[in-house]
C-alpha cells in the first residue's frame, strides 16, 4: 500500500504503530486525524516535525512535535488533522497527495467544496 491512514479510534493499537513505522521507513504517506496523531508520538514517528491533532489532546504529544492549530498539516510524508470539523479538508489534502492537484480540484468542484 502507498499510504496508511488511521482514524481517531485505536490510538494505542499495536497494529497501527507497526504500519506507521513500516510506511515511514519506506517514506510512504502516513496520515492521522483527531486523536490518532497521538499514536505517532507513542511510536516515535517523525518527532520534531509540524503536527496537529484534537486540541484537548495536544498535551499528549509531550512537546515532541511543533504543534500547529492549522486544520490540516502536511510535513514531509505525514498529514495530520484536528478532528471532525476538519475532516473534509483532510480528505481533500489526502486526495491531492495521492492523485494530484488536478484530481483534487475536479472532485472538490463536483462536490461543491471550496477551500
PDB file of N, CA and C in Angstrom:
ATOM      1  N   UNK A   1       0.837  -1.184   0.000  1.00  0.00           N
ATOM      2  CA  UNK A   1       0.000   0.000   0.000  1.00  0.00           C
ATOM      3  C   UNK A   1       0.883   1.249   0.000  1.00  0.00           C
ATOM      4  N   UNK A   2       0.423   2.270  -0.683  1.00  0.00           N
ATOM      5  CA  UNK A   2       1.191   3.505  -0.813  1.00  0.00           C
ATOM      6  C   UNK A   2       1.004   4.458   0.359  1.00  0.00           C
ATOM      7  N   UNK A   3      -0.019   4.222   1.171  1.00  0.00           N
ATOM      8  CA  UNK A   3      -0.288   5.130   2.281  1.00  0.00           C
ATOM      9  C   UNK A   3      -0.930   4.367   3.425  1.00  0.00           C
ATOM     10  N   UNK A   4      -0.904   4.993   4.596  1.00  0.00           N
ATOM     11  CA  UNK A   4      -1.594   4.446   5.754  1.00  0.00           C
ATOM     12  C   UNK A   4      -2.302   5.588   6.440  1.00  0.00           C
ATOM     13  N   UNK A   5      -3.608   5.450   6.575  1.00  0.00           N
ATOM     14  CA  UNK A   5      -4.440   6.464   7.210  1.00  0.00           C
ATOM     15  C   UNK A   5      -5.107   5.821   8.406  1.00  0.00           C
ATOM     16  N   UNK A   6      -4.970   6.454   9.572  1.00  0.00           N
ATOM     17  CA  UNK A   6      -5.618   5.924  10.761  1.00  0.00           C
ATOM     18  C   UNK A   6      -6.667   6.910  11.240  1.00  0.00           C
ATOM     19  N   UNK A   7      -7.851   6.378  11.507  1.00  0.00           N
ATOM     20  CA  UNK A   7      -8.917   7.216  12.045  1.00  0.00           C
ATOM     21  C   UNK A   7      -8.697   7.405  13.534  1.00  0.00           C
ATOM     22  N   UNK A   8      -9.576   8.115  14.158  1.00  0.00           N
ATOM     23  CA  UNK A   8      -9.405   8.517  15.545  1.00  0.00           C
ATOM     24  C   UNK A   8      -9.353   7.357  16.530  1.00  0.00           C
ATOM     25  N   UNK A   9     -10.167   6.344  16.331  1.00  0.00           N
ATOM     26  CA  UNK A   9     -10.172   5.248  17.304  1.00  0.00           C
ATOM     27  C   UNK A   9      -8.907   4.421  17.178  1.00  0.00           C
ATOM     28  N   UNK A  10      -8.529   3.754  18.231  1.00  0.00           N
ATOM     29  CA  UNK A  10      -7.380   2.871  18.179  1.00  0.00           C
ATOM     30  C   UNK A  10      -6.049   3.569  18.303  1.00  0.00           C
ATOM     31  N   UNK A  11      -5.983   4.666  19.079  1.00  0.00           N
ATOM     32  CA  UNK A  11      -4.729   5.412  19.142  1.00  0.00           C
ATOM     33  C   UNK A  11      -3.608   4.635  19.821  1.00  0.00           C
ATOM     34  N   UNK A  12      -3.934   3.571  20.537  1.00  0.00           N
ATOM     35  CA  UNK A  12      -2.907   2.774  21.185  1.00  0.00           C
ATOM     36  C   UNK A  12      -2.657   1.447  20.468  1.00  0.00           C
ATOM     37  N   UNK A  13      -3.257   1.270  19.318  1.00  0.00           N
ATOM     38  CA  UNK A  13      -3.192  -0.014  18.627  1.00  0.00           C
ATOM     39  C   UNK A  13      -1.775  -0.348  18.175  1.00  0.00           C
ATOM     40  N   UNK A  14      -1.329  -1.553  18.516  1.00  0.00           N
ATOM     41  CA  UNK A  14      -0.021  -2.033  18.057  1.00  0.00           C
ATOM     42  C   UNK A  14       0.001  -2.133  16.533  1.00  0.00           C
ATOM     43  N   UNK A  15      -1.098  -2.593  15.963  1.00  0.00           N
ATOM     44  CA  UNK A  15      -1.198  -2.745  14.514  1.00  0.00           C
ATOM     45  C   UNK A  15      -0.905  -1.422  13.830  1.00  0.00           C
ATOM     46  N   UNK A  16      -1.534  -0.359  14.299  1.00  0.00           N
ATOM     47  CA  UNK A  16      -1.313   0.961  13.722  1.00  0.00           C
ATOM     48  C   UNK A  16       0.136   1.381  13.835  1.00  0.00           C
ATOM     49  N   UNK A  17       0.755   1.131  14.978  1.00  0.00           N
ATOM     50  CA  UNK A  17       2.147   1.503  15.183  1.00  0.00           C
ATOM     51  C   UNK A  17       3.083   0.795  14.229  1.00  0.00           C
ATOM     52  N   UNK A  18       2.840  -0.487  14.008  1.00  0.00           N
ATOM     53  CA  UNK A  18       3.671  -1.253  13.072  1.00  0.00           C
ATOM     54  C   UNK A  18       3.525  -0.711  11.657  1.00  0.00           C
ATOM     55  N   UNK A  19       2.297  -0.407  11.265  1.00  0.00           N
ATOM     56  CA  UNK A  19       2.080   0.126   9.923  1.00  0.00           C
ATOM     57  C   UNK A  19       2.681   1.519   9.767  1.00  0.00           C
ATOM     58  N   UNK A  20       2.485   2.371  10.773  1.00  0.00           N
ATOM     59  CA  UNK A  20       3.093   3.700  10.727  1.00  0.00           C
ATOM     60  C   UNK A  20       4.602   3.577  10.547  1.00  0.00           C
ATOM     61  N   UNK A  21       5.227   2.741  11.349  1.00  0.00           N
ATOM     62  CA  UNK A  21       6.679   2.588  11.300  1.00  0.00           C
ATOM     63  C   UNK A  21       7.130   2.067   9.936  1.00  0.00           C
ATOM     64  N   UNK A  22       6.477   1.041   9.449  1.00  0.00           N
ATOM     65  CA  UNK A  22       6.851   0.451   8.155  1.00  0.00           C
ATOM     66  C   UNK A  22       6.689   1.473   7.020  1.00  0.00           C
ATOM     67  N   UNK A  23       5.554   2.166   6.996  1.00  0.00           N
ATOM     68  CA  UNK A  23       5.330   3.155   5.942  1.00  0.00           C
ATOM     69  C   UNK A  23       6.313   4.319   6.062  1.00  0.00           C
ATOM     70  N   UNK A  24       6.567   4.751   7.261  1.00  0.00           N
ATOM     71  CA  UNK A  24       7.500   5.857   7.446  1.00  0.00           C
ATOM     72  C   UNK A  24       8.910   5.457   7.023  1.00  0.00           C
ATOM     73  N   UNK A  25       9.326   4.253   7.378  1.00  0.00           N
ATOM     74  CA  UNK A  25      10.660   3.776   6.992  1.00  0.00           C
ATOM     75  C   UNK A  25      10.827   3.730   5.477  1.00  0.00           C
ATOM     76  N   UNK A  26       9.715   3.546   4.754  1.00  0.00           N
ATOM     77  CA  UNK A  26       9.743   3.497   3.291  1.00  0.00           C
ATOM     78  C   UNK A  26       9.375   4.853   2.682  1.00  0.00           C
ATOM     79  N   UNK A  27       9.278   5.880   3.533  1.00  0.00           N
ATOM     80  CA  UNK A  27       8.910   7.240   3.126  1.00  0.00           C
ATOM     81  C   UNK A  27       7.575   7.287   2.382  1.00  0.00           C
ATOM     82  N   UNK A  28       6.658   6.397   2.762  1.00  0.00           N
ATOM     83  CA  UNK A  28       5.312   6.410   2.208  1.00  0.00           C
ATOM     84  C   UNK A  28       4.450   7.353   3.030  1.00  0.00           C
ATOM     85  N   UNK A  29       3.359   7.763   2.447  1.00  0.00           N
ATOM     86  CA  UNK A  29       2.436   8.682   3.098  1.00  0.00           C
ATOM     87  C   UNK A  29       1.797   8.043   4.331  1.00  0.00           C
ATOM     88  N   UNK A  30       1.818   8.787   5.444  1.00  0.00           N
ATOM     89  CA  UNK A  30       1.090   8.382   6.639  1.00  0.00           C
ATOM     90  C   UNK A  30       0.199   9.552   7.045  1.00  0.00           C
ATOM     91  N   UNK A  31      -0.988   9.230   7.522  1.00  0.00           N
ATOM     92  CA  UNK A  31      -1.950  10.274   7.845  1.00  0.00           C
ATOM     93  C   UNK A  31      -2.734   9.893   9.093  1.00  0.00           C
ATOM     94  N   UNK A  32      -3.063  10.906   9.883  1.00  0.00           N
ATOM     95  CA  UNK A  32      -3.784  10.678  11.134  1.00  0.00           C
ATOM     96  C   UNK A  32      -4.658  11.887  11.437  1.00  0.00           C
ATOM     97  N   UNK A  33      -5.861  11.628  11.951  1.00  0.00           N
ATOM     98  CA  UNK A  33      -6.805  12.702  12.263  1.00  0.00           C
ATOM     99  C   UNK A  33      -7.339  12.532  13.680  1.00  0.00           C
ATOM    100  N   UNK A  34      -7.689  13.634  14.287  1.00  0.00           N
ATOM    101  CA  UNK A  34      -8.332  13.718  15.598  1.00  0.00           C
ATOM    102  C   UNK A  34      -7.376  13.227  16.693  1.00  0.00           C
ATOM    103  N   UNK A  35      -7.676  12.121  17.339  1.00  0.00           N
ATOM    104  CA  UNK A  35      -6.815  11.609  18.410  1.00  0.00           C
ATOM    105  C   UNK A  35      -5.674  10.738  17.897  1.00  0.00           C
ATOM    106  N   UNK A  36      -5.800  10.223  16.684  1.00  0.00           N
ATOM    107  CA  UNK A  36      -4.795   9.269  16.215  1.00  0.00           C
ATOM    108  C   UNK A  36      -3.388   9.827  16.019  1.00  0.00           C
ATOM    109  N   UNK A  37      -3.160  11.149  15.867  1.00  0.00           N
ATOM    110  CA  UNK A  37      -1.770  11.600  15.839  1.00  0.00           C
ATOM    111  C   UNK A  37      -0.998  11.267  17.131  1.00  0.00           C
ATOM    112  N   UNK A  38      -1.710  10.996  18.221  1.00  0.00           N
ATOM    113  CA  UNK A  38      -1.042  10.599  19.464  1.00  0.00           C
ATOM    114  C   UNK A  38      -0.275   9.297  19.245  1.00  0.00           C
ATOM    115  N   UNK A  39      -0.788   8.429  18.375  1.00  0.00           N
ATOM    116  CA  UNK A  39      -0.084   7.177  18.067  1.00  0.00           C
ATOM    117  C   UNK A  39       1.262   7.448  17.415  1.00  0.00           C
ATOM    118  N   UNK A  40       1.366   8.526  16.645  1.00  0.00           N
ATOM    119  CA  UNK A  40       2.658   8.873  16.051  1.00  0.00           C
ATOM    120  C   UNK A  40       3.688   9.118  17.143  1.00  0.00           C
ATOM    121  N   UNK A  41       3.277   9.831  18.175  1.00  0.00           N
ATOM    122  CA  UNK A  41       4.177  10.084  19.299  1.00  0.00           C
ATOM    123  C   UNK A  41       4.504   8.792  20.036  1.00  0.00           C
ATOM    124  N   UNK A  42       3.495   7.976  20.286  1.00  0.00           N
ATOM    125  CA  UNK A  42       3.715   6.717  21.007  1.00  0.00           C
ATOM    126  C   UNK A  42       4.724   5.819  20.295  1.00  0.00           C
ATOM    127  N   UNK A  43       4.761   5.906  18.978  1.00  0.00           N
ATOM    128  CA  UNK A  43       5.652   5.060  18.191  1.00  0.00           C
ATOM    129  C   UNK A  43       6.850   5.827  17.632  1.00  0.00           C
ATOM    130  N   UNK A  44       7.061   7.047  18.155  1.00  0.00           N
ATOM    131  CA  UNK A  44       8.236   7.859  17.827  1.00  0.00           C
ATOM    132  C   UNK A  44       8.392   8.106  16.332  1.00  0.00           C
ATOM    133  N   UNK A  45       7.274   8.425  15.682  1.00  0.00           N
ATOM    134  CA  UNK A  45       7.272   8.657  14.242  1.00  0.00           C
ATOM    135  C   UNK A  45       7.486  10.150  13.961  1.00  0.00           C
ATOM    136  N   UNK A  46       8.517  10.465  13.217  1.00  0.00           N
ATOM    137  CA  UNK A  46       8.784  11.826  12.728  1.00  0.00           C
ATOM    138  C   UNK A  46       8.756  12.901  13.812  1.00  0.00           C
ATOM    139  N   UNK A  47       9.264  12.610  14.958  1.00  0.00           N
ATOM    140  CA  UNK A  47       9.318  13.625  16.017  1.00  0.00           C
ATOM    141  C   UNK A  47      10.113  14.835  15.533  1.00  0.00           C
ATOM    142  N   UNK A  48       9.683  16.000  15.982  1.00  0.00           N
ATOM    143  CA  UNK A  48      10.321  17.243  15.583  1.00  0.00           C
ATOM    144  C   UNK A  48       9.620  17.934  14.420  1.00  0.00           C
ATOM    145  N   UNK A  49       8.741  17.230  13.746  1.00  0.00           N
ATOM    146  CA  UNK A  49       8.015  17.822  12.621  1.00  0.00           C
ATOM    147  C   UNK A  49       6.780  18.585  13.097  1.00  0.00           C
ATOM    148  N   UNK A  50       6.181  19.323  12.161  1.00  0.00           N
ATOM    149  CA  UNK A  50       4.912  20.012  12.427  1.00  0.00           C
ATOM    150  C   UNK A  50       3.795  18.981  12.456  1.00  0.00           C
ATOM    151  N   UNK A  51       2.826  19.188  13.355  1.00  0.00           N
ATOM    152  CA  UNK A  51       1.736  18.225  13.537  1.00  0.00           C
ATOM    153  C   UNK A  51       0.532  18.948  14.115  1.00  0.00           C
ATOM    154  N   UNK A  52      -0.644  18.368  13.939  1.00  0.00           N
ATOM    155  CA  UNK A  52      -1.832  18.840  14.632  1.00  0.00           C
ATOM    156  C   UNK A  52      -2.632  17.623  15.085  1.00  0.00           C
ATOM    157  N   UNK A  53      -3.575  17.855  15.986  1.00  0.00           N
ATOM    158  CA  UNK A  53      -4.448  16.800  16.485  1.00  0.00           C
ATOM    159  C   UNK A  53      -5.634  17.465  17.175  1.00  0.00           C
ATOM    160  N   UNK A  54      -6.517  16.678  17.749  1.00  0.00           N
ATOM    161  CA  UNK A  54      -7.626  17.236  18.505  1.00  0.00           C
ATOM    162  C   UNK A  54      -7.034  18.113  19.612  1.00  0.00           C
ATOM    163  N   UNK A  55      -7.457  19.375  19.699  1.00  0.00           N
ATOM    164  CA  UNK A  55      -6.797  20.335  20.594  1.00  0.00           C
ATOM    165  C   UNK A  55      -6.636  19.886  22.051  1.00  0.00           C
ATOM    166  N   UNK A  56      -7.641  19.238  22.609  1.00  0.00           N
ATOM    167  CA  UNK A  56      -7.555  18.820  24.011  1.00  0.00           C
ATOM    168  C   UNK A  56      -6.506  17.740  24.237  1.00  0.00           C
ATOM    169  N   UNK A  57      -6.050  17.104  23.168  1.00  0.00           N
ATOM    170  CA  UNK A  57      -5.061  16.032  23.287  1.00  0.00           C
ATOM    171  C   UNK A  57      -3.641  16.474  22.948  1.00  0.00           C
ATOM    172  N   UNK A  58      -3.472  17.722  22.567  1.00  0.00           N
ATOM    173  CA  UNK A  58      -2.143  18.204  22.164  1.00  0.00           C
ATOM    174  C   UNK A  58      -1.095  17.984  23.247  1.00  0.00           C
ATOM    175  N   UNK A  59      -1.501  18.059  24.496  1.00  0.00           N
ATOM    176  CA  UNK A  59      -0.551  17.845  25.601  1.00  0.00           C
ATOM    177  C   UNK A  59       0.067  16.451  25.554  1.00  0.00           C
ATOM    178  N   UNK A  60      -0.647  15.498  24.960  1.00  0.00           N
ATOM    179  CA  UNK A  60      -0.145  14.113  24.883  1.00  0.00           C
ATOM    180  C   UNK A  60       0.933  13.935  23.812  1.00  0.00           C
ATOM    181  N   UNK A  61       1.227  15.012  23.084  1.00  0.00           N
ATOM    182  CA  UNK A  61       2.351  14.962  22.142  1.00  0.00           C
ATOM    183  C   UNK A  61       3.674  15.176  22.877  1.00  0.00           C
ATOM    184  N   UNK A  62       3.582  15.535  24.156  1.00  0.00           N
ATOM    185  CA  UNK A  62       4.740  15.631  25.058  1.00  0.00           C
ATOM    186  C   UNK A  62       5.849  16.565  24.561  1.00  0.00           C
ATOM    187  N   UNK A  63       5.492  17.564  23.761  1.00  0.00           N
ATOM    188  CA  UNK A  63       6.495  18.510  23.272  1.00  0.00           C
ATOM    189  C   UNK A  63       7.437  17.925  22.244  1.00  0.00           C
ATOM    190  N   UNK A  64       7.109  16.768  21.699  1.00  0.00           N
ATOM    191  CA  UNK A  64       7.989  16.106  20.732  1.00  0.00           C
ATOM    192  C   UNK A  64       7.788  16.569  19.298  1.00  0.00           C
ATOM    193  N   UNK A  65       6.810  17.447  19.075  1.00  0.00           N
ATOM    194  CA  UNK A  65       6.492  17.952  17.745  1.00  0.00           C
ATOM    195  C   UNK A  65       6.314  19.454  17.797  1.00  0.00           C
ATOM    196  N   UNK A  66       6.270  20.078  16.635  1.00  0.00           N
ATOM    197  CA  UNK A  66       5.940  21.503  16.519  1.00  0.00           C
ATOM    198  C   UNK A  66       4.435  21.574  16.291  1.00  0.00           C
ATOM    199  N   UNK A  67       3.676  21.738  17.364  1.00  0.00           N
ATOM    200  CA  UNK A  67       2.211  21.717  17.291  1.00  0.00           C
ATOM    201  C   UNK A  67       1.692  22.931  16.532  1.00  0.00           C
ATOM    202  N   UNK A  68       0.706  22.687  15.680  1.00  0.00           N
ATOM    203  CA  UNK A  68       0.064  23.739  14.905  1.00  0.00           C
ATOM    204  C   UNK A  68      -1.440  23.678  15.121  1.00  0.00           C
ATOM    205  N   UNK A  69      -2.084  24.829  15.138  1.00  0.00           N
ATOM    206  CA  UNK A  69      -3.545  24.857  15.226  1.00  0.00           C
ATOM    207  C   UNK A  69      -4.184  24.915  13.835  1.00  0.00           C
ATOM    208  N   UNK A  70      -3.387  24.745  12.787  1.00  0.00           N
ATOM    209  CA  UNK A  70      -3.938  24.692  11.432  1.00  0.00           C
ATOM    210  C   UNK A  70      -4.882  23.491  11.317  1.00  0.00           C
ATOM    211  N   UNK A  71      -5.914  23.591  10.479  1.00  0.00           N
ATOM    212  CA  UNK A  71      -6.870  22.482  10.334  1.00  0.00           C
ATOM    213  C   UNK A  71      -6.226  21.198   9.811  1.00  0.00           C
ATOM    214  N   UNK A  72      -5.290  21.347   8.883  1.00  0.00           N
ATOM    215  CA  UNK A  72      -4.570  20.219   8.295  1.00  0.00           C
ATOM    216  C   UNK A  72      -3.102  20.616   8.193  1.00  0.00           C
ATOM    217  N   UNK A  73      -2.227  19.711   8.547  1.00  0.00           N
ATOM    218  CA  UNK A  73      -0.788  19.969   8.473  1.00  0.00           C
ATOM    219  C   UNK A  73      -0.134  18.892   7.614  1.00  0.00           C
ATOM    220  N   UNK A  74       0.637  19.322   6.628  1.00  0.00           N
ATOM    221  CA  UNK A  74       1.439  18.410   5.811  1.00  0.00           C
ATOM    222  C   UNK A  74       2.893  18.724   6.105  1.00  0.00           C
ATOM    223  N   UNK A  75       3.636  17.725   6.539  1.00  0.00           N
ATOM    224  CA  UNK A  75       5.066  17.888   6.778  1.00  0.00           C
ATOM    225  C   UNK A  75       5.769  16.637   6.276  1.00  0.00           C
ATOM    226  N   UNK A  76       6.406  16.758   5.148  1.00  0.00           N
ATOM    227  CA  UNK A  76       7.051  15.593   4.539  1.00  0.00           C
ATOM    228  C   UNK A  76       6.002  14.569   4.128  1.00  0.00           C
ATOM    229  N   UNK A  77       6.193  13.340   4.563  1.00  0.00           N
ATOM    230  CA  UNK A  77       5.273  12.256   4.209  1.00  0.00           C
ATOM    231  C   UNK A  77       4.121  12.109   5.204  1.00  0.00           C
ATOM    232  N   UNK A  78       3.944  13.096   6.079  1.00  0.00           N
ATOM    233  CA  UNK A  78       2.963  12.987   7.161  1.00  0.00           C
ATOM    234  C   UNK A  78       1.880  14.055   7.024  1.00  0.00           C
ATOM    235  N   UNK A  79       0.610  13.613   7.092  1.00  0.00           N
ATOM    236  CA  UNK A  79      -0.541  14.517   7.068  1.00  0.00           C
ATOM    237  C   UNK A  79      -1.319  14.294   8.357  1.00  0.00           C
ATOM    238  N   UNK A  80      -1.597  15.386   9.079  1.00  0.00           N
ATOM    239  CA  UNK A  80      -2.409  15.289  10.287  1.00  0.00           C
ATOM    240  C   UNK A  80      -3.513  16.334  10.239  1.00  0.00           C
ATOM    241  N   UNK A  81      -4.592  16.053  10.976  1.00  0.00           N
ATOM    242  CA  UNK A  81      -5.711  16.973  11.007  1.00  0.00           C
ATOM    243  C   UNK A  81      -6.348  16.947  12.399  1.00  0.00           C
ATOM    244  N   UNK A  82      -7.114  17.994  12.701  1.00  0.00           N
ATOM    245  CA  UNK A  82      -7.599  18.230  14.068  1.00  0.00           C
ATOM    246  C   UNK A  82      -8.786  17.395  14.495  1.00  0.00           C
ATOM    247  N   UNK A  83      -9.771  17.167  13.642  1.00  0.00           N
ATOM    248  CA  UNK A  83     -10.941  16.427  14.097  1.00  0.00           C
ATOM    249  C   UNK A  83     -12.103  16.477  13.130  1.00  0.00           C
ATOM    250  N   UNK A  84     -13.323  16.178  13.615  1.00  0.00           N
ATOM    251  CA  UNK A  84     -14.487  16.063  12.737  1.00  0.00           C
ATOM    252  C   UNK A  84     -14.723  17.284  11.848  1.00  0.00           C
ATOM    253  N   UNK A  85     -14.552  18.467  12.371  1.00  0.00           N
ATOM    254  CA  UNK A  85     -14.796  19.680  11.600  1.00  0.00           C
ATOM    255  C   UNK A  85     -13.766  19.945  10.520  1.00  0.00           C
ATOM    256  N   UNK A  86     -12.652  19.243  10.559  1.00  0.00           N
ATOM    257  CA  UNK A  86     -11.599  19.434   9.557  1.00  0.00           C
ATOM    258  C   UNK A  86     -11.489  18.232   8.619  1.00  0.00           C
ATOM    259  N   UNK A  87     -12.403  17.290   8.761  1.00  0.00           N
ATOM    260  CA  UNK A  87     -12.311  16.035   8.011  1.00  0.00           C
ATOM    261  C   UNK A  87     -12.377  16.236   6.497  1.00  0.00           C
ATOM    262  N   UNK A  88     -13.203  17.163   6.032  1.00  0.00           N
ATOM    263  CA  UNK A  88     -13.316  17.359   4.598  1.00  0.00           C
ATOM    264  C   UNK A  88     -12.015  17.930   4.027  1.00  0.00           C
ATOM    265  N   UNK A  89     -11.467  18.925   4.692  1.00  0.00           N
ATOM    266  CA  UNK A  89     -10.187  19.495   4.242  1.00  0.00           C
ATOM    267  C   UNK A  89      -9.086  18.429   4.278  1.00  0.00           C
ATOM    268  N   UNK A  90      -9.124  17.586   5.302  1.00  0.00           N
ATOM    269  CA  UNK A  90      -8.173  16.476   5.439  1.00  0.00           C
ATOM    270  C   UNK A  90      -8.313  15.521   4.247  1.00  0.00           C
ATOM    271  N   UNK A  91      -9.543  15.164   3.923  1.00  0.00           N
ATOM    272  CA  UNK A  91      -9.783  14.266   2.792  1.00  0.00           C
ATOM    273  C   UNK A  91      -9.305  14.852   1.479  1.00  0.00           C
ATOM    274  N   UNK A  92      -9.541  16.150   1.284  1.00  0.00           N
ATOM    275  CA  UNK A  92      -9.088  16.802   0.048  1.00  0.00           C
ATOM    276  C   UNK A  92      -7.563  16.849  -0.020  1.00  0.00           C
ATOM    277  N   UNK A  93      -6.932  17.039   1.135  1.00  0.00           N
ATOM    278  CA  UNK A  93      -5.466  17.045   1.184  1.00  0.00           C
ATOM    279  C   UNK A  93      -4.917  15.660   0.867  1.00  0.00           C
ATOM    280  N   UNK A  94      -5.536  14.633   1.427  1.00  0.00           N
ATOM    281  CA  UNK A  94      -5.116  13.255   1.115  1.00  0.00           C
ATOM    282  C   UNK A  94      -5.263  12.977  -0.376  1.00  0.00           C
ATOM    283  N   UNK A  95      -6.394  13.373  -0.932  1.00  0.00           N
ATOM    284  CA  UNK A  95      -6.632  13.145  -2.360  1.00  0.00           C
ATOM    285  C   UNK A  95      -5.568  13.842  -3.206  1.00  0.00           C
ATOM    286  N   UNK A  96      -5.237  15.076  -2.851  1.00  0.00           N
ATOM    287  CA  UNK A  96      -4.216  15.803  -3.599  1.00  0.00           C
ATOM    288  C   UNK A  96      -2.851  15.120  -3.505  1.00  0.00           C
ATOM    289  N   UNK A  97      -2.503  14.658  -2.311  1.00  0.00           N
ATOM    290  CA  UNK A  97      -1.210  13.991  -2.141  1.00  0.00           C
ATOM    291  C   UNK A  97      -1.152  12.672  -2.909  1.00  0.00           C
ATOM    292  N   UNK A  98      -2.272  11.971  -2.989  1.00  0.00           N
ATOM    293  CA  UNK A  98      -2.295  10.658  -3.642  1.00  0.00           C
ATOM    294  C   UNK A  98      -2.516  10.728  -5.154  1.00  0.00           C
ATOM    295  N   UNK A  99      -3.346  11.680  -5.592  1.00  0.00           N
ATOM    296  CA  UNK A  99      -3.739  11.707  -7.005  1.00  0.00           C
ATOM    297  C   UNK A  99      -3.404  12.999  -7.730  1.00  0.00           C
ATOM    298  N   UNK A 100      -2.938  14.014  -7.006  1.00  0.00           N
ATOM    299  CA  UNK A 100      -2.549  15.260  -7.642  1.00  0.00           C
ATOM    300  C   UNK A 100      -3.594  16.352  -7.519  1.00  0.00           C
ATOM    301  N   UNK A 101      -3.130  17.582  -7.737  1.00  0.00           N
ATOM    302  CA  UNK A 101      -3.979  18.765  -7.580  1.00  0.00           C
ATOM    303  C   UNK A 101      -5.130  18.792  -8.578  1.00  0.00           C
ATOM    304  N   UNK A 102      -4.884  18.348  -9.807  1.00  0.00           N
ATOM    305  CA  UNK A 102      -5.936  18.368 -10.819  1.00  0.00           C
ATOM    306  C   UNK A 102      -7.120  17.489 -10.405  1.00  0.00           C
ATOM    307  N   UNK A 103      -6.843  16.294  -9.923  1.00  0.00           N
ATOM    308  CA  UNK A 103      -7.912  15.390  -9.470  1.00  0.00           C
ATOM    309  C   UNK A 103      -8.604  15.986  -8.255  1.00  0.00           C
ATOM    310  N   UNK A 104      -7.826  16.500  -7.322  1.00  0.00           N
ATOM    311  CA  UNK A 104      -8.404  17.118  -6.121  1.00  0.00           C
ATOM    312  C   UNK A 104      -9.334  18.260  -6.497  1.00  0.00           C
ATOM    313  N   UNK A 105      -8.899  19.128  -7.404  1.00  0.00           N
ATOM    314  CA  UNK A 105      -9.720  20.269  -7.816  1.00  0.00           C
ATOM    315  C   UNK A 105     -11.006  19.817  -8.504  1.00  0.00           C
ATOM    316  N   UNK A 106     -10.921  18.792  -9.341  1.00  0.00           N
ATOM    317  CA  UNK A 106     -12.098  18.286 -10.041  1.00  0.00           C
ATOM    318  C   UNK A 106     -13.111  17.699  -9.047  1.00  0.00           C
ATOM    319  N   UNK A 107     -12.628  16.901  -8.106  1.00  0.00           N
ATOM    320  CA  UNK A 107     -13.511  16.301  -7.103  1.00  0.00           C
ATOM    321  C   UNK A 107     -14.121  17.388  -6.221  1.00  0.00           C
ATOM    322  N   UNK A 108     -13.308  18.336  -5.805  1.00  0.00           N
ATOM    323  CA  UNK A 108     -13.810  19.430  -4.962  1.00  0.00           C
ATOM    324  C   UNK A 108     -14.908  20.201  -5.690  1.00  0.00           C
ATOM    325  N   UNK A 109     -14.692  20.491  -6.963  1.00  0.00           N
ATOM    326  CA  UNK A 109     -15.693  21.221  -7.749  1.00  0.00           C
ATOM    327  C   UNK A 109     -16.988  20.410  -7.843  1.00  0.00           C
ATOM    328  N   UNK A 110     -16.864  19.120  -8.149  1.00  0.00           N
ATOM    329  CA  UNK A 110     -18.042  18.264  -8.267  1.00  0.00           C
ATOM    330  C   UNK A 110     -18.811  18.148  -6.951  1.00  0.00           C
ATOM    331  N   UNK A 111     -18.106  18.284  -5.852  1.00  0.00           N
ATOM    332  CA  UNK A 111     -18.740  18.182  -4.530  1.00  0.00           C
ATOM    333  C   UNK A 111     -19.156  19.551  -3.969  1.00  0.00           C
ATOM    334  N   UNK A 112     -18.955  20.601  -4.773  1.00  0.00           N
ATOM    335  CA  UNK A 112     -19.282  21.970  -4.364  1.00  0.00           C
ATOM    336  C   UNK A 112     -18.485  22.408  -3.139  1.00  0.00           C
ATOM    337  N   UNK A 113     -17.245  21.933  -3.064  1.00  0.00           N
ATOM    338  CA  UNK A 113     -16.357  22.251  -1.950  1.00  0.00           C
ATOM    339  C   UNK A 113     -15.392  23.342  -2.394  1.00  0.00           C
ATOM    340  N   UNK A 114     -15.262  24.366  -1.593  1.00  0.00           N
ATOM    341  CA  UNK A 114     -14.261  25.407  -1.860  1.00  0.00           C
ATOM    342  C   UNK A 114     -13.377  25.555  -0.636  1.00  0.00           C
ATOM    343  N   UNK A 115     -12.098  25.604  -0.877  1.00  0.00           N
ATOM    344  CA  UNK A 115     -11.163  25.723   0.242  1.00  0.00           C
ATOM    345  C   UNK A 115     -10.613  27.113   0.345  1.00  0.00           C
TER     346      UNK A 115
END
